[in-house]
Amino acid sequence: QVHLVESGGGSVQAGGSLRLSCAVSGYSYPTYCTAWFRQAPGKEREGVAALNSDERIRYADSVKGRFTIARDKASHILYLQMNNLQPEDTAMYYCAADVIDYGLDDKYNWWGQGTQVTVSS
């Protein structure tokens, strides 16, 4: 059973930064594809950043230049560094993983429970 546990969410003012972490456990293979998604109230879930097993990275246009996805393979932790946060970034943030590279499409099989990010103006 694969488990993903996010942490690092919180409340910040516009222009601030947060770093989200996602600990992945229960997967026996050393490589997998990962991504961060977010969902704001009343809106559809959207892909924010993806990092596949070949280290290919993709970002949503709305976060390019502000967010950075990274992974510590040794500890199986996925990170999302978020800088210059804006009120429109307010959402529940989820990490996801799978053996297949779905990029920013939300077809991943394994999901965390989410961590809330709130940005005030």
N, C-alpha and C. Protein backbone atom coordinates (compact mmCIF):
# COMPACT_ATOMS: atom_id res chain seq x y z
N GLN A 1 0.85 -1.19 0.00
CA GLN A 1 0.00 0.00 0.00
C GLN A 1 0.89 1.25 0.00
N VAL A 2 0.67 2.12 -0.97
CA VAL A 2 1.45 3.34 -1.08
C VAL A 2 0.77 4.45 -0.28
N HIS A 3 1.55 5.16 0.51
CA HIS A 3 1.03 6.27 1.31
C HIS A 3 1.80 7.53 0.98
N LEU A 4 1.05 8.62 0.84
CA LEU A 4 1.63 9.94 0.63
C LEU A 4 1.11 10.86 1.73
N VAL A 5 2.01 11.54 2.39
CA VAL A 5 1.62 12.43 3.48
C VAL A 5 2.24 13.80 3.25
N GLU A 6 1.38 14.80 3.05
CA GLU A 6 1.84 16.16 2.83
C GLU A 6 1.99 16.91 4.16
N SER A 7 2.86 17.89 4.14
CA SER A 7 3.02 18.79 5.27
C SER A 7 3.57 20.11 4.77
N GLY A 8 3.54 21.12 5.63
CA GLY A 8 4.15 22.40 5.28
C GLY A 8 3.19 23.50 4.89
N GLY A 9 1.90 23.18 4.82
CA GLY A 9 0.94 24.23 4.49
C GLY A 9 0.81 25.23 5.63
N GLY A 10 0.09 26.32 5.35
CA GLY A 10 -0.10 27.32 6.38
C GLY A 10 -0.66 28.59 5.78
N SER A 11 -0.62 29.64 6.58
CA SER A 11 -1.13 30.94 6.15
C SER A 11 0.02 31.94 6.03
N VAL A 12 0.06 32.63 4.91
CA VAL A 12 1.10 33.64 4.69
C VAL A 12 0.47 34.86 4.02
N GLN A 13 1.20 35.95 4.07
CA GLN A 13 0.76 37.14 3.36
C GLN A 13 1.27 37.09 1.92
N ALA A 14 0.61 37.85 1.07
CA ALA A 14 1.04 37.92 -0.32
C ALA A 14 2.52 38.31 -0.40
N GLY A 15 3.24 37.62 -1.28
CA GLY A 15 4.67 37.82 -1.42
C GLY A 15 5.50 36.88 -0.58
N GLY A 16 4.86 36.15 0.31
CA GLY A 16 5.58 35.22 1.18
C GLY A 16 5.89 33.90 0.50
N SER A 17 6.51 33.01 1.27
CA SER A 17 6.94 31.72 0.75
C SER A 17 6.52 30.60 1.68
N LEU A 18 6.35 29.44 1.11
CA LEU A 18 6.12 28.20 1.86
C LEU A 18 6.80 27.07 1.12
N ARG A 19 7.19 26.04 1.86
CA ARG A 19 7.69 24.84 1.24
C ARG A 19 6.85 23.66 1.69
N LEU A 20 6.23 23.02 0.73
CA LEU A 20 5.44 21.83 1.02
C LEU A 20 6.32 20.59 0.88
N SER A 21 6.03 19.59 1.70
CA SER A 21 6.74 18.31 1.63
C SER A 21 5.72 17.20 1.48
N CYS A 22 6.14 16.14 0.82
CA CYS A 22 5.29 14.97 0.65
C CYS A 22 6.15 13.73 0.83
N ALA A 23 5.89 13.01 1.90
CA ALA A 23 6.63 11.78 2.18
C ALA A 23 5.92 10.60 1.53
N VAL A 24 6.66 9.84 0.73
CA VAL A 24 6.10 8.70 0.01
C VAL A 24 6.63 7.42 0.64
N SER A 25 5.75 6.50 0.96
CA SER A 25 6.16 5.24 1.55
C SER A 25 5.34 4.11 0.96
N GLY A 26 5.87 2.89 1.12
CA GLY A 26 5.12 1.71 0.71
C GLY A 26 5.31 1.30 -0.73
N TYR A 27 6.20 1.98 -1.45
CA TYR A 27 6.43 1.64 -2.85
C TYR A 27 7.82 1.03 -2.95
N SER A 28 7.88 -0.16 -3.49
CA SER A 28 9.13 -0.90 -3.46
C SER A 28 10.11 -0.53 -4.55
N TYR A 29 9.65 0.14 -5.60
CA TYR A 29 10.56 0.48 -6.68
C TYR A 29 11.19 1.84 -6.41
N PRO A 30 12.41 2.03 -6.90
CA PRO A 30 13.11 3.27 -6.57
C PRO A 30 12.65 4.49 -7.34
N THR A 31 11.91 4.31 -8.43
CA THR A 31 11.53 5.48 -9.22
C THR A 31 10.03 5.49 -9.47
N TYR A 32 9.48 6.66 -9.48
CA TYR A 32 8.07 6.83 -9.80
C TYR A 32 7.87 8.28 -10.23
N CYS A 33 6.74 8.54 -10.79
CA CYS A 33 6.39 9.87 -11.26
C CYS A 33 5.55 10.58 -10.21
N THR A 34 5.80 11.85 -10.05
CA THR A 34 5.15 12.60 -8.97
C THR A 34 4.64 13.93 -9.46
N ALA A 35 3.73 14.50 -8.69
CA ALA A 35 3.18 15.80 -9.08
C ALA A 35 2.50 16.44 -7.88
N TRP A 36 2.34 17.74 -7.99
CA TRP A 36 1.56 18.52 -7.04
C TRP A 36 0.33 19.07 -7.75
N PHE A 37 -0.80 18.99 -7.05
CA PHE A 37 -2.05 19.53 -7.54
C PHE A 37 -2.63 20.47 -6.48
N ARG A 38 -3.59 21.26 -6.89
CA ARG A 38 -4.29 22.11 -5.92
C ARG A 38 -5.75 22.23 -6.32
N GLN A 39 -6.56 22.47 -5.31
CA GLN A 39 -7.98 22.66 -5.56
C GLN A 39 -8.51 23.74 -4.62
N ALA A 40 -9.01 24.80 -5.22
CA ALA A 40 -9.62 25.88 -4.46
C ALA A 40 -11.12 25.62 -4.35
N PRO A 41 -11.78 26.16 -3.34
CA PRO A 41 -13.22 25.96 -3.19
C PRO A 41 -13.99 26.38 -4.44
N GLY A 42 -14.84 25.48 -4.91
CA GLY A 42 -15.66 25.79 -6.08
C GLY A 42 -14.95 25.67 -7.41
N LYS A 43 -13.70 25.23 -7.37
CA LYS A 43 -12.93 25.11 -8.62
C LYS A 43 -12.47 23.68 -8.82
N GLU A 44 -12.13 23.35 -10.06
CA GLU A 44 -11.62 22.03 -10.36
C GLU A 44 -10.17 21.89 -9.89
N ARG A 45 -9.79 20.66 -9.64
CA ARG A 45 -8.40 20.40 -9.27
C ARG A 45 -7.51 20.67 -10.48
N GLU A 46 -6.39 21.31 -10.23
CA GLU A 46 -5.47 21.63 -11.32
C GLU A 46 -4.05 21.19 -10.98
N GLY A 47 -3.36 20.75 -12.00
CA GLY A 47 -1.97 20.37 -11.83
C GLY A 47 -1.09 21.60 -11.69
N VAL A 48 -0.17 21.56 -10.76
CA VAL A 48 0.70 22.69 -10.48
C VAL A 48 2.11 22.42 -11.00
N ALA A 49 2.65 21.26 -10.67
CA ALA A 49 4.01 20.91 -11.07
C ALA A 49 4.13 19.39 -11.09
N ALA A 50 4.94 18.90 -12.02
CA ALA A 50 5.15 17.46 -12.15
C ALA A 50 6.63 17.16 -12.34
N LEU A 51 7.05 16.06 -11.75
CA LEU A 51 8.44 15.61 -11.86
C LEU A 51 8.39 14.10 -12.09
N ASN A 52 8.82 13.68 -13.29
CA ASN A 52 8.69 12.25 -13.58
C ASN A 52 9.97 11.49 -13.22
N SER A 53 9.98 10.21 -13.50
CA SER A 53 11.09 9.36 -13.10
C SER A 53 12.37 9.68 -13.86
N ASP A 54 12.25 10.37 -15.00
CA ASP A 54 13.43 10.78 -15.77
C ASP A 54 13.85 12.22 -15.45
N GLU A 55 13.31 12.75 -14.38
CA GLU A 55 13.62 14.11 -13.91
C GLU A 55 13.08 15.20 -14.84
N ARG A 56 12.13 14.86 -15.70
CA ARG A 56 11.49 15.89 -16.52
C ARG A 56 10.52 16.66 -15.64
N ILE A 57 10.58 17.97 -15.73
CA ILE A 57 9.75 18.85 -14.90
C ILE A 57 8.81 19.67 -15.78
N ARG A 58 7.59 19.78 -15.31
CA ARG A 58 6.60 20.63 -15.98
C ARG A 58 5.88 21.47 -14.93
N TYR A 59 5.54 22.68 -15.31
CA TYR A 59 4.81 23.59 -14.43
C TYR A 59 3.59 24.13 -15.13
N ALA A 60 2.57 24.41 -14.35
CA ALA A 60 1.43 25.18 -14.86
C ALA A 60 1.91 26.61 -15.14
N ASP A 61 1.35 27.23 -16.15
CA ASP A 61 1.76 28.59 -16.51
C ASP A 61 1.60 29.55 -15.34
N SER A 62 0.59 29.31 -14.52
CA SER A 62 0.28 30.23 -13.43
C SER A 62 1.33 30.24 -12.33
N VAL A 63 2.20 29.24 -12.29
CA VAL A 63 3.20 29.18 -11.21
C VAL A 63 4.63 29.21 -11.71
N LYS A 64 4.82 29.24 -13.03
CA LYS A 64 6.17 29.26 -13.58
C LYS A 64 6.95 30.45 -13.05
N GLY A 65 8.18 30.20 -12.64
CA GLY A 65 9.03 31.27 -12.11
C GLY A 65 8.82 31.53 -10.63
N ARG A 66 7.79 30.95 -10.05
CA ARG A 66 7.52 31.15 -8.62
C ARG A 66 7.61 29.86 -7.82
N PHE A 67 7.22 28.74 -8.40
CA PHE A 67 7.21 27.45 -7.72
C PHE A 67 8.32 26.57 -8.27
N THR A 68 8.88 25.73 -7.39
CA THR A 68 9.91 24.79 -7.80
C THR A 68 9.61 23.42 -7.20
N ILE A 69 9.57 22.41 -8.05
CA ILE A 69 9.36 21.03 -7.59
C ILE A 69 10.70 20.34 -7.53
N ALA A 70 10.88 19.53 -6.50
CA ALA A 70 12.14 18.80 -6.34
C ALA A 70 11.87 17.53 -5.56
N ARG A 71 12.80 16.59 -5.65
CA ARG A 71 12.60 15.32 -4.96
C ARG A 71 13.92 14.84 -4.37
N ASP A 72 13.86 14.37 -3.16
CA ASP A 72 14.99 13.70 -2.52
C ASP A 72 14.75 12.21 -2.67
N LYS A 73 15.44 11.59 -3.62
CA LYS A 73 15.20 10.18 -3.90
C LYS A 73 15.59 9.29 -2.73
N ALA A 74 16.61 9.65 -2.03
CA ALA A 74 17.09 8.80 -0.93
C ALA A 74 16.06 8.70 0.18
N SER A 75 15.39 9.80 0.47
CA SER A 75 14.41 9.81 1.56
C SER A 75 12.98 9.72 1.06
N HIS A 76 12.79 9.67 -0.26
CA HIS A 76 11.45 9.56 -0.85
C HIS A 76 10.54 10.70 -0.41
N ILE A 77 11.08 11.91 -0.46
CA ILE A 77 10.30 13.09 -0.13
C ILE A 77 10.23 13.99 -1.36
N LEU A 78 9.04 14.42 -1.68
CA LEU A 78 8.79 15.37 -2.76
C LEU A 78 8.55 16.74 -2.15
N TYR A 79 9.12 17.77 -2.77
CA TYR A 79 8.99 19.13 -2.26
C TYR A 79 8.32 20.04 -3.29
N LEU A 80 7.69 21.08 -2.78
CA LEU A 80 7.21 22.17 -3.63
C LEU A 80 7.56 23.47 -2.93
N GLN A 81 8.56 24.15 -3.45
CA GLN A 81 8.94 25.45 -2.92
C GLN A 81 8.09 26.50 -3.62
N MET A 82 7.37 27.28 -2.84
CA MET A 82 6.45 28.28 -3.40
C MET A 82 6.88 29.67 -2.93
N ASN A 83 7.28 30.48 -3.88
CA ASN A 83 7.72 31.85 -3.59
C ASN A 83 6.74 32.85 -4.18
N ASN A 84 6.81 34.07 -3.67
CA ASN A 84 5.94 35.15 -4.15
C ASN A 84 4.48 34.68 -4.24
N LEU A 85 4.01 34.09 -3.16
CA LEU A 85 2.64 33.58 -3.14
C LEU A 85 1.63 34.72 -3.26
N GLN A 86 0.55 34.42 -3.93
CA GLN A 86 -0.52 35.40 -4.16
C GLN A 86 -1.84 34.83 -3.66
N PRO A 87 -2.82 35.68 -3.39
CA PRO A 87 -4.11 35.18 -2.90
C PRO A 87 -4.73 34.11 -3.80
N GLU A 88 -4.49 34.20 -5.09
CA GLU A 88 -5.06 33.20 -6.01
C GLU A 88 -4.39 31.84 -5.87
N ASP A 89 -3.32 31.76 -5.11
CA ASP A 89 -2.68 30.47 -4.85
C ASP A 89 -3.35 29.73 -3.68
N THR A 90 -4.28 30.39 -3.02
CA THR A 90 -4.98 29.76 -1.90
C THR A 90 -5.74 28.54 -2.37
N ALA A 91 -5.47 27.41 -1.75
CA ALA A 91 -6.08 26.14 -2.15
C ALA A 91 -5.62 25.04 -1.22
N MET A 92 -6.25 23.89 -1.35
CA MET A 92 -5.72 22.66 -0.75
C MET A 92 -4.75 22.08 -1.75
N TYR A 93 -3.56 21.77 -1.28
CA TYR A 93 -2.52 21.23 -2.14
C TYR A 93 -2.33 19.75 -1.86
N TYR A 94 -2.27 18.98 -2.95
CA TYR A 94 -2.13 17.54 -2.86
C TYR A 94 -0.89 17.07 -3.63
N CYS A 95 -0.22 16.06 -3.11
CA CYS A 95 0.81 15.41 -3.90
C CYS A 95 0.23 14.10 -4.45
N ALA A 96 0.78 13.67 -5.56
CA ALA A 96 0.30 12.47 -6.24
C ALA A 96 1.49 11.72 -6.82
N ALA A 97 1.32 10.40 -6.98
CA ALA A 97 2.39 9.58 -7.53
C ALA A 97 1.80 8.41 -8.31
N ASP A 98 2.63 7.90 -9.21
CA ASP A 98 2.22 6.75 -10.02
C ASP A 98 3.44 6.22 -10.75
N VAL A 99 3.35 5.04 -11.29
CA VAL A 99 4.43 4.50 -12.12
C VAL A 99 4.36 5.07 -13.54
N ILE A 100 3.21 5.63 -13.89
CA ILE A 100 3.01 6.22 -15.21
C ILE A 100 3.12 7.74 -15.10
N ASP A 101 3.72 8.33 -16.13
CA ASP A 101 3.87 9.78 -16.16
C ASP A 101 2.61 10.42 -16.72
N TYR A 102 1.80 10.98 -15.82
CA TYR A 102 0.59 11.67 -16.25
C TYR A 102 0.78 13.18 -16.36
N GLY A 103 1.99 13.62 -16.08
CA GLY A 103 2.24 15.05 -16.17
C GLY A 103 1.35 15.82 -15.23
N LEU A 104 0.65 16.81 -15.75
CA LEU A 104 -0.25 17.64 -14.94
C LEU A 104 -1.70 17.15 -15.01
N ASP A 105 -1.91 15.98 -15.57
CA ASP A 105 -3.23 15.37 -15.62
C ASP A 105 -3.46 14.62 -14.32
N ASP A 106 -4.65 14.70 -13.75
CA ASP A 106 -4.89 14.14 -12.42
C ASP A 106 -5.29 12.67 -12.43
N LYS A 107 -4.69 11.88 -13.29
CA LYS A 107 -5.00 10.45 -13.37
C LYS A 107 -4.14 9.59 -12.46
N TYR A 108 -3.29 10.22 -11.64
CA TYR A 108 -2.41 9.48 -10.76
C TYR A 108 -3.21 8.57 -9.84
N ASN A 109 -2.63 7.42 -9.49
CA ASN A 109 -3.34 6.46 -8.64
C ASN A 109 -3.20 6.75 -7.15
N TRP A 110 -2.07 7.32 -6.76
CA TRP A 110 -1.80 7.50 -5.34
C TRP A 110 -1.83 8.99 -4.99
N TRP A 111 -2.55 9.30 -3.93
CA TRP A 111 -2.77 10.69 -3.52
C TRP A 111 -2.58 10.86 -2.02
N GLY A 112 -2.09 12.02 -1.63
CA GLY A 112 -2.06 12.36 -0.22
C GLY A 112 -3.38 12.96 0.21
N GLN A 113 -3.44 13.32 1.50
CA GLN A 113 -4.69 13.84 2.06
C GLN A 113 -4.82 15.35 1.88
N GLY A 114 -3.75 16.00 1.51
CA GLY A 114 -3.80 17.43 1.25
C GLY A 114 -3.31 18.27 2.40
N THR A 115 -2.82 19.44 2.07
CA THR A 115 -2.40 20.43 3.06
C THR A 115 -2.87 21.80 2.58
N GLN A 116 -3.43 22.58 3.50
CA GLN A 116 -4.06 23.85 3.13
C GLN A 116 -3.03 24.97 3.05
N VAL A 117 -3.12 25.74 1.99
CA VAL A 117 -2.31 26.94 1.82
C VAL A 117 -3.26 28.12 1.68
N THR A 118 -3.08 29.11 2.54
CA THR A 118 -3.93 30.30 2.51
C THR A 118 -3.04 31.53 2.40
N VAL A 119 -3.30 32.35 1.39
CA VAL A 119 -2.51 33.55 1.16
C VAL A 119 -3.42 34.76 1.28
N SER A 120 -3.08 35.65 2.17
CA SER A 120 -3.89 36.85 2.38
C SER A 120 -3.24 38.05 1.70
N SER A 121 -4.08 38.98 1.29
CA SER A 121 -3.57 40.17 0.58
C SER A 121 -3.20 41.28 1.55
